[in-house]
Amino acid sequence: MSDLVLYEVGGCPFCIRVRNKLDDLGLEYESVMVPRMHAERTEVKAISGQTGVPVLVDEEHGIDGMAESADIVDYLEETYGDD
């Protein structure tokens, strides 16, 4: 199991943005597809306190449930980027 886990919904443009950044950085991650219906996203709610996706978990760095694609992309770049 990877330390990085991405909770996402297929076809979600915000999720795709995060997946693209993970791929650009060559990071291995586990993808967890969640239901389209917000009311059924109990796992995401338990992790992040909300039902929106994407949500990133990075156990190695103590990230328990980061939401918002822009925040996730910035975090990945700062934490795993070459700069």
Protein backbone atom coordinates (compact mmCIF):
# COMPACT_ATOMS: atom_id res chain seq x y z
CA MET A 1 0.00 0.00 0.00
CA SER A 2 1.24 3.46 -0.89
CA ASP A 3 1.59 6.26 1.65
CA LEU A 4 -0.34 8.47 -0.80
CA VAL A 5 -4.05 7.80 -1.21
CA LEU A 6 -6.27 9.84 -3.53
CA TYR A 7 -10.04 9.71 -3.06
CA GLU A 8 -11.69 10.62 -6.33
CA VAL A 9 -14.63 10.28 -8.71
CA GLY A 10 -14.16 9.21 -12.31
CA GLY A 11 -14.32 12.09 -14.78
CA CYS A 12 -13.95 14.78 -12.11
CA PRO A 13 -11.76 17.55 -13.61
CA PHE A 14 -10.37 18.50 -10.19
CA CYS A 15 -9.42 14.88 -9.52
CA ILE A 16 -7.79 14.64 -12.95
CA ARG A 17 -5.73 17.74 -12.13
CA VAL A 18 -4.39 16.08 -8.98
CA ARG A 19 -3.77 12.74 -10.75
CA ASN A 20 -1.84 14.57 -13.47
CA LYS A 21 0.38 16.23 -10.85
CA LEU A 22 0.98 12.89 -9.10
CA ASP A 23 1.93 11.35 -12.45
CA ASP A 24 4.11 14.34 -13.45
CA LEU A 25 6.05 13.93 -10.20
CA GLY A 26 6.35 10.16 -10.74
CA LEU A 27 4.63 9.40 -7.44
CA GLU A 28 3.02 6.07 -6.64
CA TYR A 29 -0.40 6.38 -5.06
CA GLU A 30 -3.50 4.39 -4.33
CA SER A 31 -6.66 5.58 -6.04
CA VAL A 32 -9.93 5.09 -4.17
CA MET A 33 -13.00 5.69 -6.30
CA VAL A 34 -15.90 7.02 -4.27
CA PRO A 35 -19.61 7.17 -5.14
CA ARG A 36 -20.89 10.03 -7.28
CA MET A 37 -23.62 10.82 -4.72
CA HIS A 38 -22.27 13.07 -1.96
CA ALA A 39 -24.59 11.43 0.57
CA GLU A 40 -22.86 8.09 -0.05
CA ARG A 41 -19.32 9.37 0.48
CA THR A 42 -19.12 8.34 4.11
CA GLU A 43 -15.46 7.32 3.87
CA VAL A 44 -14.45 10.72 2.49
CA LYS A 45 -16.53 12.49 5.16
CA ALA A 46 -14.83 10.49 7.92
CA ILE A 47 -11.37 11.34 6.57
CA SER A 48 -11.73 14.99 5.60
CA GLY A 49 -14.87 16.24 7.34
CA GLN A 50 -16.57 17.00 4.01
CA THR A 51 -17.82 15.07 0.98
CA GLY A 52 -16.06 16.86 -1.88
CA VAL A 53 -13.30 15.27 -3.91
CA PRO A 54 -10.43 15.08 -4.50
CA VAL A 55 -9.06 14.29 -1.05
CA LEU A 56 -5.43 13.33 -0.47
CA VAL A 57 -3.98 11.34 2.41
CA ASP A 58 -0.20 11.32 2.84
CA GLU A 59 0.58 9.18 5.86
CA GLU A 60 4.33 9.76 5.64
CA HIS A 61 3.88 13.51 6.11
CA GLY A 62 0.89 13.47 8.48
CA ILE A 63 -1.71 14.64 5.97
CA ASP A 64 -4.94 12.99 7.08
CA GLY A 65 -7.36 14.36 4.50
CA MET A 66 -6.43 17.39 2.41
CA ALA A 67 -9.20 18.70 0.17
CA GLU A 68 -9.24 21.28 -2.66
CA SER A 69 -7.34 20.39 -5.80
CA ALA A 70 -5.31 23.62 -5.89
CA ASP A 71 -4.13 23.06 -2.31
CA ILE A 72 -3.27 19.44 -3.07
CA VAL A 73 -1.31 20.33 -6.22
CA ASP A 74 0.61 23.05 -4.34
CA TYR A 75 1.34 20.62 -1.49
CA LEU A 76 2.57 17.92 -3.86
CA GLU A 77 4.83 20.37 -5.68
CA GLU A 78 6.27 21.76 -2.43
CA THR A 79 6.73 18.34 -0.82
CA TYR A 80 7.77 16.16 -3.75
CA GLY A 81 8.87 18.58 -6.48
CA ASP A 82 12.50 19.11 -7.52
CA ASP A 83 12.66 22.77 -6.50
